[in-house]
N, C-alpha and C. Protein backbone atom coordinates (compact mmCIF):
# COMPACT_ATOMS: atom_id res chain seq x y z
N MET A 1 42.25 -6.05 95.50
CA MET A 1 41.52 -4.82 95.62
C MET A 1 41.21 -4.25 94.25
N ARG A 2 42.18 -4.34 93.33
CA ARG A 2 41.94 -3.82 92.00
C ARG A 2 40.80 -4.55 91.32
N PHE A 3 40.70 -5.87 91.54
CA PHE A 3 39.60 -6.64 90.97
C PHE A 3 38.26 -6.10 91.49
N LEU A 4 38.20 -5.85 92.79
CA LEU A 4 36.97 -5.35 93.39
C LEU A 4 36.60 -3.98 92.82
N ILE A 5 37.58 -3.10 92.69
CA ILE A 5 37.31 -1.77 92.13
C ILE A 5 36.80 -1.89 90.70
N ASP A 6 37.47 -2.73 89.91
CA ASP A 6 37.01 -2.93 88.53
C ASP A 6 35.60 -3.49 88.49
N ASP A 7 35.30 -4.45 89.39
CA ASP A 7 33.98 -5.05 89.42
C ASP A 7 32.91 -4.04 89.86
N ILE A 8 33.22 -3.21 90.85
CA ILE A 8 32.27 -2.19 91.30
C ILE A 8 31.99 -1.19 90.19
N GLU A 9 33.05 -0.78 89.47
CA GLU A 9 32.85 0.14 88.36
C GLU A 9 31.96 -0.47 87.28
N ALA A 10 32.12 -1.76 87.03
CA ALA A 10 31.35 -2.43 85.98
C ALA A 10 29.94 -2.80 86.43
N ASN A 11 29.77 -3.19 87.71
CA ASN A 11 28.50 -3.76 88.16
C ASN A 11 27.82 -3.04 89.31
N GLY A 12 28.45 -2.04 89.89
CA GLY A 12 27.88 -1.34 91.04
C GLY A 12 28.23 -2.03 92.35
N GLU A 13 27.90 -1.39 93.45
CA GLU A 13 28.21 -1.94 94.77
C GLU A 13 27.28 -3.09 95.14
N ALA A 14 27.82 -4.07 95.87
CA ALA A 14 27.06 -5.26 96.24
C ALA A 14 26.27 -5.09 97.53
N GLY A 15 26.70 -4.22 98.43
CA GLY A 15 25.97 -4.05 99.68
C GLY A 15 26.90 -4.06 100.87
N PRO A 16 26.34 -4.08 102.09
CA PRO A 16 27.16 -3.99 103.30
C PRO A 16 28.05 -5.23 103.48
N GLU A 17 29.21 -5.00 104.10
CA GLU A 17 30.17 -6.08 104.35
C GLU A 17 29.80 -6.88 105.59
N TRP A 18 30.18 -8.15 105.62
CA TRP A 18 29.99 -8.99 106.80
C TRP A 18 31.14 -8.73 107.77
N PRO A 19 30.93 -8.96 109.07
CA PRO A 19 32.02 -8.79 110.04
C PRO A 19 33.17 -9.75 109.74
N LEU A 20 34.38 -9.29 109.96
CA LEU A 20 35.56 -10.12 109.71
C LEU A 20 35.89 -10.96 110.93
N GLY A 21 36.61 -12.07 110.71
CA GLY A 21 37.02 -12.94 111.81
C GLY A 21 38.26 -13.72 111.44
N GLU A 22 38.91 -14.29 112.41
CA GLU A 22 40.11 -15.08 112.21
C GLU A 22 39.94 -16.42 112.90
N ALA A 23 40.54 -17.46 112.33
CA ALA A 23 40.52 -18.78 112.96
C ALA A 23 41.62 -18.83 114.02
N ASP A 24 41.39 -19.60 115.08
CA ASP A 24 42.38 -19.78 116.13
C ASP A 24 43.23 -21.00 115.82
N GLY A 25 44.52 -20.95 116.14
CA GLY A 25 45.42 -22.08 115.99
C GLY A 25 45.90 -22.29 114.57
N PRO A 26 46.77 -23.30 114.36
CA PRO A 26 47.32 -23.55 113.03
C PRO A 26 46.27 -24.12 112.08
N ALA A 27 46.44 -23.86 110.81
CA ALA A 27 45.50 -24.36 109.80
C ALA A 27 45.64 -25.86 109.65
N GLU A 28 44.52 -26.56 109.56
CA GLU A 28 44.48 -28.00 109.37
C GLU A 28 44.22 -28.32 107.90
N MET A 29 44.71 -29.47 107.44
CA MET A 29 44.42 -29.94 106.08
C MET A 29 43.01 -30.50 106.07
N GLU A 30 42.16 -29.98 105.17
CA GLU A 30 40.79 -30.45 105.04
C GLU A 30 40.36 -30.36 103.58
N GLY A 31 39.27 -31.04 103.25
CA GLY A 31 38.66 -30.88 101.94
C GLY A 31 37.90 -29.57 101.91
N LEU A 32 37.59 -29.09 100.72
CA LEU A 32 36.90 -27.81 100.59
C LEU A 32 35.55 -27.82 101.29
N GLN A 33 34.79 -28.89 101.16
CA GLN A 33 33.46 -28.96 101.79
C GLN A 33 33.57 -28.86 103.32
N GLU A 34 34.56 -29.50 103.92
CA GLU A 34 34.75 -29.40 105.36
C GLU A 34 35.18 -28.00 105.75
N ALA A 35 36.05 -27.38 104.95
CA ALA A 35 36.55 -26.04 105.26
C ALA A 35 35.43 -25.01 105.25
N ILE A 36 34.55 -25.07 104.26
CA ILE A 36 33.49 -24.06 104.18
C ILE A 36 32.34 -24.33 105.14
N ALA A 37 32.35 -25.49 105.79
CA ALA A 37 31.31 -25.80 106.78
C ALA A 37 31.64 -25.20 108.14
N THR A 38 32.85 -24.62 108.30
CA THR A 38 33.24 -24.03 109.58
C THR A 38 32.59 -22.67 109.75
N PRO A 39 32.54 -22.16 110.97
CA PRO A 39 31.85 -20.89 111.21
C PRO A 39 32.66 -19.64 110.91
N VAL A 40 33.84 -19.74 110.31
CA VAL A 40 34.66 -18.57 110.02
C VAL A 40 34.18 -17.97 108.70
N ILE A 41 33.14 -17.15 108.76
CA ILE A 41 32.48 -16.63 107.57
C ILE A 41 33.44 -15.82 106.71
N ALA A 42 34.20 -14.91 107.31
CA ALA A 42 35.11 -14.06 106.53
C ALA A 42 36.22 -14.86 105.89
N GLY A 43 36.49 -16.07 106.39
CA GLY A 43 37.57 -16.88 105.86
C GLY A 43 37.23 -17.66 104.62
N ILE A 44 36.01 -17.53 104.08
CA ILE A 44 35.66 -18.28 102.88
C ILE A 44 36.50 -17.80 101.69
N ARG A 45 36.94 -16.57 101.71
CA ARG A 45 37.85 -16.12 100.66
C ARG A 45 39.25 -16.66 100.98
N PRO A 46 40.09 -16.86 99.97
CA PRO A 46 41.44 -17.37 100.23
C PRO A 46 42.24 -16.41 101.12
N ALA A 47 42.91 -16.96 102.12
CA ALA A 47 43.72 -16.18 103.06
C ALA A 47 45.21 -16.38 102.76
N PRO A 48 46.06 -15.46 103.18
CA PRO A 48 47.50 -15.60 102.95
C PRO A 48 48.06 -16.87 103.59
N LEU A 49 48.99 -17.50 102.87
CA LEU A 49 49.62 -18.74 103.31
C LEU A 49 51.00 -18.45 103.90
N LYS A 50 51.33 -19.13 104.98
CA LYS A 50 52.67 -19.05 105.56
C LYS A 50 53.55 -20.11 104.89
N ALA A 51 54.86 -19.88 104.91
CA ALA A 51 55.81 -20.81 104.27
C ALA A 51 55.65 -22.22 104.82
N GLU A 52 55.49 -22.37 106.13
CA GLU A 52 55.33 -23.68 106.75
C GLU A 52 54.08 -24.39 106.24
N GLU A 53 53.01 -23.65 106.02
CA GLU A 53 51.76 -24.24 105.53
C GLU A 53 51.92 -24.74 104.10
N ILE A 54 52.63 -23.98 103.28
CA ILE A 54 52.87 -24.38 101.89
C ILE A 54 53.67 -25.66 101.85
N THR A 55 54.74 -25.73 102.63
CA THR A 55 55.59 -26.92 102.67
C THR A 55 54.82 -28.13 103.19
N ARG A 56 54.01 -27.93 104.21
CA ARG A 56 53.23 -29.04 104.77
C ARG A 56 52.24 -29.59 103.75
N ALA A 57 51.62 -28.71 102.97
CA ALA A 57 50.60 -29.15 102.01
C ALA A 57 51.18 -29.70 100.72
N LEU A 58 52.25 -29.09 100.22
CA LEU A 58 52.80 -29.49 98.92
C LEU A 58 54.07 -30.32 99.01
N GLY A 59 54.70 -30.36 100.17
CA GLY A 59 55.96 -31.08 100.30
C GLY A 59 57.15 -30.28 99.78
N SER A 60 56.93 -29.03 99.38
CA SER A 60 57.99 -28.13 98.90
C SER A 60 57.50 -26.71 99.10
N ASP A 61 58.34 -25.74 98.70
CA ASP A 61 57.90 -24.35 98.83
C ASP A 61 57.10 -23.87 97.63
N GLY A 62 56.83 -24.78 96.68
CA GLY A 62 55.99 -24.48 95.53
C GLY A 62 56.75 -23.85 94.39
N GLN A 63 56.14 -23.89 93.21
CA GLN A 63 56.75 -23.32 92.01
C GLN A 63 56.09 -22.01 91.59
N CYS A 64 54.76 -21.92 91.68
CA CYS A 64 54.03 -20.73 91.24
C CYS A 64 53.19 -20.19 92.39
N ARG A 65 53.08 -18.84 92.42
CA ARG A 65 52.37 -18.17 93.51
C ARG A 65 51.50 -17.04 92.98
N PHE A 66 50.31 -16.91 93.56
CA PHE A 66 49.47 -15.75 93.30
C PHE A 66 49.48 -14.90 94.56
N ILE A 67 49.91 -13.64 94.40
CA ILE A 67 49.89 -12.68 95.51
C ILE A 67 49.01 -11.51 95.12
N ARG A 68 48.37 -10.90 96.10
CA ARG A 68 47.48 -9.77 95.83
C ARG A 68 48.20 -8.44 95.76
N ALA A 69 49.38 -8.34 96.39
CA ALA A 69 50.13 -7.08 96.41
C ALA A 69 51.62 -7.41 96.51
N VAL A 70 52.45 -6.48 96.11
CA VAL A 70 53.90 -6.65 96.19
C VAL A 70 54.28 -6.93 97.65
N ASN A 71 55.16 -7.89 97.86
CA ASN A 71 55.66 -8.30 99.18
C ASN A 71 54.59 -8.92 100.09
N ALA A 72 53.48 -9.35 99.53
CA ALA A 72 52.43 -10.01 100.33
C ALA A 72 52.65 -11.52 100.31
N ASP A 73 52.07 -12.20 101.28
CA ASP A 73 52.10 -13.67 101.27
C ASP A 73 51.11 -14.16 100.21
N PRO A 74 51.41 -15.31 99.59
CA PRO A 74 50.54 -15.82 98.53
C PRO A 74 49.22 -16.35 99.07
N ILE A 75 48.18 -16.30 98.21
CA ILE A 75 46.89 -16.89 98.59
C ILE A 75 46.64 -18.20 97.83
N LEU A 76 47.47 -18.49 96.81
CA LEU A 76 47.42 -19.76 96.08
C LEU A 76 48.85 -20.09 95.67
N VAL A 77 49.26 -21.33 95.93
CA VAL A 77 50.59 -21.80 95.53
C VAL A 77 50.43 -23.15 94.85
N THR A 78 51.15 -23.34 93.74
CA THR A 78 51.13 -24.63 93.03
C THR A 78 52.54 -25.19 92.96
N ASP A 79 52.61 -26.52 92.72
CA ASP A 79 53.91 -27.20 92.68
C ASP A 79 54.46 -27.41 91.28
N GLY A 80 53.77 -26.94 90.25
CA GLY A 80 54.24 -27.14 88.88
C GLY A 80 53.82 -28.47 88.29
N ALA A 81 53.15 -29.31 89.08
CA ALA A 81 52.71 -30.62 88.60
C ALA A 81 51.19 -30.77 88.67
N GLY A 82 50.48 -29.65 88.82
CA GLY A 82 49.03 -29.70 88.86
C GLY A 82 48.43 -29.74 90.25
N ASN A 83 49.25 -29.59 91.29
CA ASN A 83 48.76 -29.57 92.66
C ASN A 83 48.89 -28.17 93.23
N GLY A 84 47.87 -27.73 93.97
CA GLY A 84 47.91 -26.42 94.57
C GLY A 84 47.33 -26.44 95.97
N VAL A 85 47.58 -25.37 96.71
CA VAL A 85 47.05 -25.24 98.06
C VAL A 85 46.58 -23.80 98.28
N ALA A 86 45.50 -23.67 99.03
CA ALA A 86 44.98 -22.38 99.47
C ALA A 86 44.45 -22.56 100.88
N LYS A 87 44.38 -21.45 101.63
CA LYS A 87 43.80 -21.49 102.97
C LYS A 87 42.39 -20.91 102.86
N ILE A 88 41.40 -21.76 103.09
CA ILE A 88 39.99 -21.38 102.99
C ILE A 88 39.34 -21.58 104.35
N SER A 89 38.75 -20.54 104.89
CA SER A 89 38.05 -20.61 106.17
C SER A 89 38.94 -21.21 107.26
N GLY A 90 40.22 -20.83 107.24
CA GLY A 90 41.17 -21.27 108.25
C GLY A 90 41.74 -22.65 108.05
N SER A 91 41.39 -23.34 106.95
CA SER A 91 41.89 -24.70 106.68
C SER A 91 42.71 -24.72 105.39
N LEU A 92 43.73 -25.56 105.36
CA LEU A 92 44.50 -25.75 104.13
C LEU A 92 43.75 -26.72 103.24
N VAL A 93 43.52 -26.31 101.99
CA VAL A 93 42.75 -27.13 101.05
C VAL A 93 43.59 -27.37 99.80
N ASN A 94 43.69 -28.64 99.40
CA ASN A 94 44.40 -29.00 98.17
C ASN A 94 43.47 -28.88 96.97
N PHE A 95 44.01 -28.32 95.89
CA PHE A 95 43.32 -28.20 94.60
C PHE A 95 44.18 -28.89 93.56
N THR A 96 43.57 -29.48 92.54
CA THR A 96 44.32 -30.17 91.50
C THR A 96 43.89 -29.72 90.12
N SER A 97 44.79 -29.92 89.17
CA SER A 97 44.54 -29.58 87.78
C SER A 97 45.12 -30.67 86.89
N GLN A 98 44.56 -30.79 85.69
CA GLN A 98 45.11 -31.72 84.71
C GLN A 98 46.41 -31.18 84.13
N ASP A 99 46.63 -29.87 84.24
CA ASP A 99 47.80 -29.21 83.69
C ASP A 99 48.62 -28.58 84.81
N THR A 100 49.76 -27.99 84.44
CA THR A 100 50.62 -27.36 85.43
C THR A 100 50.10 -26.01 85.90
N VAL A 101 49.24 -25.36 85.17
CA VAL A 101 48.68 -24.02 85.38
C VAL A 101 49.73 -22.92 85.46
N THR A 102 50.96 -23.19 85.02
CA THR A 102 51.97 -22.14 85.05
C THR A 102 51.59 -20.96 84.17
N SER A 103 50.83 -21.21 83.11
CA SER A 103 50.39 -20.12 82.24
C SER A 103 48.87 -19.96 82.27
N GLY A 104 48.27 -20.28 83.41
CA GLY A 104 46.84 -20.12 83.59
C GLY A 104 46.11 -21.45 83.54
N GLY A 105 44.85 -21.42 83.96
CA GLY A 105 44.04 -22.64 83.94
C GLY A 105 43.14 -22.73 85.14
N VAL A 106 42.64 -23.94 85.39
CA VAL A 106 41.67 -24.19 86.45
C VAL A 106 42.22 -25.25 87.40
N LEU A 107 42.14 -24.98 88.70
CA LEU A 107 42.45 -25.95 89.75
C LEU A 107 41.15 -26.23 90.49
N SER A 108 40.84 -27.50 90.74
CA SER A 108 39.54 -27.87 91.32
C SER A 108 39.70 -28.65 92.61
N ALA A 109 38.68 -28.55 93.44
CA ALA A 109 38.49 -29.39 94.63
C ALA A 109 37.00 -29.68 94.68
N ASP A 110 36.60 -30.67 95.46
CA ASP A 110 35.20 -31.02 95.56
C ASP A 110 34.38 -29.82 96.02
N GLY A 111 33.56 -29.28 95.13
CA GLY A 111 32.71 -28.16 95.49
C GLY A 111 33.22 -26.78 95.13
N GLY A 112 34.37 -26.70 94.46
CA GLY A 112 34.87 -25.38 94.10
C GLY A 112 36.07 -25.42 93.18
N GLN A 113 36.48 -24.24 92.74
CA GLN A 113 37.63 -24.17 91.84
C GLN A 113 38.25 -22.77 91.84
N PHE A 114 39.51 -22.73 91.43
CA PHE A 114 40.21 -21.49 91.13
C PHE A 114 40.38 -21.42 89.62
N THR A 115 40.15 -20.25 89.04
CA THR A 115 40.42 -20.01 87.63
C THR A 115 41.44 -18.89 87.57
N LEU A 116 42.56 -19.17 86.91
CA LEU A 116 43.67 -18.23 86.88
C LEU A 116 43.94 -17.74 85.46
N ALA A 117 44.01 -16.42 85.29
CA ALA A 117 44.47 -15.81 84.05
C ALA A 117 45.75 -15.05 84.42
N PRO A 118 46.91 -15.42 83.85
CA PRO A 118 48.19 -14.94 84.36
C PRO A 118 48.55 -13.47 84.13
N GLY A 119 47.82 -12.72 83.34
CA GLY A 119 48.17 -11.31 83.15
C GLY A 119 49.29 -11.13 82.13
N ASP A 120 50.10 -10.07 82.32
CA ASP A 120 51.15 -9.76 81.35
C ASP A 120 52.38 -10.65 81.55
N ALA A 121 53.42 -10.40 80.76
CA ALA A 121 54.63 -11.24 80.78
C ALA A 121 55.34 -11.23 82.13
N ASP A 122 55.17 -10.17 82.91
CA ASP A 122 55.80 -10.09 84.23
C ASP A 122 54.91 -10.63 85.34
N GLY A 123 53.73 -11.16 84.99
CA GLY A 123 52.81 -11.69 85.98
C GLY A 123 51.89 -10.65 86.60
N GLU A 124 52.05 -9.37 86.23
CA GLU A 124 51.18 -8.32 86.77
C GLU A 124 49.80 -8.39 86.13
N ASP A 125 48.82 -7.88 86.84
CA ASP A 125 47.43 -7.86 86.39
C ASP A 125 46.87 -9.25 86.15
N ALA A 126 47.39 -10.23 86.89
CA ALA A 126 46.83 -11.57 86.85
C ALA A 126 45.47 -11.55 87.55
N THR A 127 44.56 -12.41 87.12
CA THR A 127 43.24 -12.50 87.72
C THR A 127 43.03 -13.90 88.28
N LEU A 128 42.56 -13.96 89.51
CA LEU A 128 42.27 -15.23 90.17
C LEU A 128 40.82 -15.18 90.65
N LEU A 129 40.01 -16.13 90.17
CA LEU A 129 38.62 -16.26 90.62
C LEU A 129 38.50 -17.51 91.47
N PHE A 130 37.92 -17.38 92.64
CA PHE A 130 37.62 -18.51 93.50
C PHE A 130 36.11 -18.69 93.48
N GLU A 131 35.67 -19.88 93.10
CA GLU A 131 34.24 -20.14 92.97
C GLU A 131 33.84 -21.36 93.77
N LEU A 132 32.79 -21.20 94.59
CA LEU A 132 32.13 -22.33 95.22
C LEU A 132 31.03 -22.76 94.26
N THR A 133 30.94 -24.05 93.99
CA THR A 133 30.00 -24.53 92.99
C THR A 133 28.87 -25.37 93.58
N GLY A 134 28.73 -25.36 94.89
CA GLY A 134 27.70 -26.16 95.55
C GLY A 134 26.35 -25.48 95.52
N GLU A 135 25.49 -25.85 96.48
CA GLU A 135 24.12 -25.32 96.47
C GLU A 135 24.06 -23.84 96.83
N THR A 136 25.10 -23.29 97.46
CA THR A 136 25.18 -21.84 97.69
C THR A 136 26.41 -21.32 96.95
N PRO A 137 26.27 -21.00 95.67
CA PRO A 137 27.44 -20.57 94.89
C PRO A 137 27.96 -19.22 95.37
N LEU A 138 29.26 -19.06 95.25
CA LEU A 138 29.94 -17.84 95.65
C LEU A 138 31.13 -17.65 94.72
N THR A 139 31.38 -16.43 94.29
CA THR A 139 32.56 -16.13 93.49
C THR A 139 33.27 -14.93 94.10
N VAL A 140 34.57 -15.07 94.32
CA VAL A 140 35.41 -14.00 94.83
C VAL A 140 36.55 -13.84 93.85
N GLY A 141 36.84 -12.62 93.43
CA GLY A 141 37.89 -12.39 92.46
C GLY A 141 38.97 -11.48 92.98
N PHE A 142 40.18 -11.68 92.46
CA PHE A 142 41.34 -10.89 92.85
C PHE A 142 42.14 -10.54 91.61
N THR A 143 42.72 -9.35 91.61
CA THR A 143 43.73 -8.98 90.63
C THR A 143 45.03 -8.86 91.40
N GLY A 144 46.09 -9.44 90.86
CA GLY A 144 47.37 -9.43 91.57
C GLY A 144 48.50 -9.84 90.66
N TYR A 145 49.40 -10.67 91.21
CA TYR A 145 50.62 -11.08 90.53
C TYR A 145 50.74 -12.60 90.54
N TRP A 146 51.03 -13.19 89.39
CA TRP A 146 51.23 -14.63 89.25
C TRP A 146 52.67 -14.83 88.80
N THR A 147 53.47 -15.47 89.62
CA THR A 147 54.88 -15.70 89.29
C THR A 147 55.22 -17.17 89.46
N CYS A 148 56.11 -17.66 88.59
CA CYS A 148 56.56 -19.04 88.65
C CYS A 148 58.09 -19.08 88.62
N ASN A 149 58.66 -19.98 89.40
CA ASN A 149 60.11 -20.21 89.39
C ASN A 149 60.40 -21.39 88.50
N GLY A 150 61.44 -21.28 87.72
CA GLY A 150 61.88 -22.40 86.90
C GLY A 150 61.19 -22.63 85.64
């Protein structure tokens, strides 16, 4: 929300919001292109991940997490080895990086990427940009908390 407020102050309002929606059933593992081809329009932005979904996608509970608010579920989790997961349009999507991204960086999937700036020493004021890079580009940004264990 803070990212949106900062962006509105800098660039003005974008216009009316689209209706929100939720996917039915458990999230499936898919590539980014398959995930964004689904009809869950509001789900194109990263959605909160459940612990079971993180473990299923990464094989562990992850090392680093981006959360939008204190005590919220994460919207991006990485394993410390360059692998990450996010829920996009109701599907679990794996993202990869050449680096660990513990102190920021870019995680990519076919057709999109996350760019992370970790914020201050406590992980506050971290910025996460989600960008679709295909024929219909889209950028969604968040300000939140980036924390890593170990």
